[in-house]
Amino acid sequence: MAGQMRPYRGGPAVNQAEGVKAASAARRKAARGFAEDVGPLVQELASGGLSLRQVAARLTEQGIRTARGGTVWTAAGVSRVLAVSD
């Protein structure tokens, strides 16, 4: 059987669709929680006429961590926070 893959045998039977649904719901819940914390500041900066890049630069300068704990904000990350917090 060299080179052939064998099917996985063992462990509990898992409904993959349910697992994907649950993981997706958990990510959405975490994103909403993060947006509730950081969203007001991001909205305030964005409503002040700053571009998404400028908002990202300000958040980075202030040392505010991203949702995944990073130290550098991007315009895309700011955009996602604004989308979730609306």
C-alpha atoms as a PDB file:
ATOM      1  CA  MET A   1       0.000   0.000   0.000  1.00  0.00           C
ATOM      2  CA  ALA A   2       2.906   2.344  -0.485  1.00  0.00           C
ATOM      3  CA  GLY A   3       1.775   5.767  -1.641  1.00  0.00           C
ATOM      4  CA  GLN A   4      -1.894   5.145  -0.960  1.00  0.00           C
ATOM      5  CA  MET A   5      -3.792   7.093   1.642  1.00  0.00           C
ATOM      6  CA  ARG A   6      -5.923   5.158   4.060  1.00  0.00           C
ATOM      7  CA  PRO A   7      -9.205   6.544   5.344  1.00  0.00           C
ATOM      8  CA  TYR A   8      -9.240   7.875   8.881  1.00  0.00           C
ATOM      9  CA  ARG A   9     -10.467   5.264  11.313  1.00  0.00           C
ATOM     10  CA  GLY A  10     -11.220   6.368  14.801  1.00  0.00           C
ATOM     11  CA  GLY A  11     -12.542   9.145  16.912  1.00  0.00           C
ATOM     12  CA  PRO A  12     -16.128  10.221  17.189  1.00  0.00           C
ATOM     13  CA  ALA A  13     -18.287  10.725  14.142  1.00  0.00           C
ATOM     14  CA  VAL A  14     -18.363  14.440  13.411  1.00  0.00           C
ATOM     15  CA  ASN A  15     -20.884  16.369  11.399  1.00  0.00           C
ATOM     16  CA  GLN A  16     -18.537  18.706   9.554  1.00  0.00           C
ATOM     17  CA  ALA A  17     -21.304  21.087   8.462  1.00  0.00           C
ATOM     18  CA  GLU A  18     -22.340  21.670  12.079  1.00  0.00           C
ATOM     19  CA  GLY A  19     -18.739  22.257  13.087  1.00  0.00           C
ATOM     20  CA  VAL A  20     -18.239  24.827  10.326  1.00  0.00           C
ATOM     21  CA  LYS A  21     -21.455  26.581  11.350  1.00  0.00           C
ATOM     22  CA  ALA A  22     -20.436  26.682  14.997  1.00  0.00           C
ATOM     23  CA  ALA A  23     -16.953  27.987  14.194  1.00  0.00           C
ATOM     24  CA  SER A  24     -18.399  30.682  11.943  1.00  0.00           C
ATOM     25  CA  ALA A  25     -20.829  31.774  14.651  1.00  0.00           C
ATOM     26  CA  ALA A  26     -17.998  31.920  17.200  1.00  0.00           C
ATOM     27  CA  ARG A  27     -15.881  34.115  14.871  1.00  0.00           C
ATOM     28  CA  ARG A  28     -18.819  36.480  14.276  1.00  0.00           C
ATOM     29  CA  LYS A  29     -19.457  36.737  18.016  1.00  0.00           C
ATOM     30  CA  ALA A  30     -15.789  37.524  18.702  1.00  0.00           C
ATOM     31  CA  ALA A  31     -15.766  40.137  15.906  1.00  0.00           C
ATOM     32  CA  ARG A  32     -18.853  41.833  17.330  1.00  0.00           C
ATOM     33  CA  GLY A  33     -17.318  41.889  20.804  1.00  0.00           C
ATOM     34  CA  PHE A  34     -14.105  43.418  19.498  1.00  0.00           C
ATOM     35  CA  ALA A  35     -16.035  45.973  17.431  1.00  0.00           C
ATOM     36  CA  GLU A  36     -18.016  46.972  20.528  1.00  0.00           C
ATOM     37  CA  ASP A  37     -14.749  47.746  22.324  1.00  0.00           C
ATOM     38  CA  VAL A  38     -12.815  49.481  19.549  1.00  0.00           C
ATOM     39  CA  GLY A  39     -15.671  50.542  17.269  1.00  0.00           C
ATOM     40  CA  PRO A  40     -16.560  53.825  18.984  1.00  0.00           C
ATOM     41  CA  LEU A  41     -12.967  55.081  18.737  1.00  0.00           C
ATOM     42  CA  VAL A  42     -12.676  53.978  15.100  1.00  0.00           C
ATOM     43  CA  GLN A  43     -15.996  55.629  14.245  1.00  0.00           C
ATOM     44  CA  GLU A  44     -14.956  58.834  15.998  1.00  0.00           C
ATOM     45  CA  LEU A  45     -11.704  59.008  14.040  1.00  0.00           C
ATOM     46  CA  ALA A  46     -13.400  58.152  10.750  1.00  0.00           C
ATOM     47  CA  SER A  47     -16.186  60.674  11.271  1.00  0.00           C
ATOM     48  CA  GLY A  48     -13.529  63.318  11.850  1.00  0.00           C
ATOM     49  CA  GLY A  49     -12.700  63.203   8.158  1.00  0.00           C
ATOM     50  CA  LEU A  50      -9.711  60.869   8.350  1.00  0.00           C
ATOM     51  CA  SER A  51      -9.161  58.278   5.631  1.00  0.00           C
ATOM     52  CA  LEU A  52      -9.072  54.585   6.530  1.00  0.00           C
ATOM     53  CA  ARG A  53      -5.260  54.645   6.252  1.00  0.00           C
ATOM     54  CA  GLN A  54      -5.055  57.657   8.556  1.00  0.00           C
ATOM     55  CA  VAL A  55      -7.344  55.975  11.098  1.00  0.00           C
ATOM     56  CA  ALA A  56      -5.166  52.851  10.926  1.00  0.00           C
ATOM     57  CA  ALA A  57      -2.045  54.958  11.499  1.00  0.00           C
ATOM     58  CA  ARG A  58      -3.605  56.666  14.530  1.00  0.00           C
ATOM     59  CA  LEU A  59      -4.666  53.353  16.075  1.00  0.00           C
ATOM     60  CA  THR A  60      -1.164  51.974  15.533  1.00  0.00           C
ATOM     61  CA  GLU A  61       0.425  55.096  17.046  1.00  0.00           C
ATOM     62  CA  GLN A  62      -1.835  54.838  20.102  1.00  0.00           C
ATOM     63  CA  GLY A  63      -0.779  51.219  20.625  1.00  0.00           C
ATOM     64  CA  ILE A  64      -4.266  49.793  20.249  1.00  0.00           C
ATOM     65  CA  ARG A  65      -4.083  46.108  19.417  1.00  0.00           C
ATOM     66  CA  THR A  66      -5.927  44.547  16.492  1.00  0.00           C
ATOM     67  CA  ALA A  67      -8.519  41.809  16.922  1.00  0.00           C
ATOM     68  CA  ARG A  68      -5.824  39.151  16.630  1.00  0.00           C
ATOM     69  CA  GLY A  69      -3.434  40.948  18.958  1.00  0.00           C
ATOM     70  CA  GLY A  70      -1.311  42.592  16.279  1.00  0.00           C
ATOM     71  CA  THR A  71       0.330  45.950  16.730  1.00  0.00           C
ATOM     72  CA  VAL A  72      -0.085  47.350  13.209  1.00  0.00           C
ATOM     73  CA  TRP A  73      -3.488  48.363  11.881  1.00  0.00           C
ATOM     74  CA  THR A  74      -4.375  48.347   8.187  1.00  0.00           C
ATOM     75  CA  ALA A  75      -7.065  50.197   6.256  1.00  0.00           C
ATOM     76  CA  ALA A  76      -8.770  46.851   5.632  1.00  0.00           C
ATOM     77  CA  GLY A  77      -8.902  46.125   9.381  1.00  0.00           C
ATOM     78  CA  VAL A  78     -10.407  49.544  10.053  1.00  0.00           C
ATOM     79  CA  SER A  79     -12.955  48.934   7.298  1.00  0.00           C
ATOM     80  CA  ARG A  80     -13.963  45.585   8.829  1.00  0.00           C
ATOM     81  CA  VAL A  81     -14.416  47.142  12.289  1.00  0.00           C
ATOM     82  CA  LEU A  82     -16.607  49.850  10.772  1.00  0.00           C
ATOM     83  CA  ALA A  83     -18.660  47.238   8.897  1.00  0.00           C
ATOM     84  CA  VAL A  84     -19.235  45.118  12.003  1.00  0.00           C
ATOM     85  CA  SER A  85     -20.010  48.051  14.280  1.00  0.00           C
ATOM     86  CA  ASP A  86     -22.738  49.457  11.993  1.00  0.00           C
END
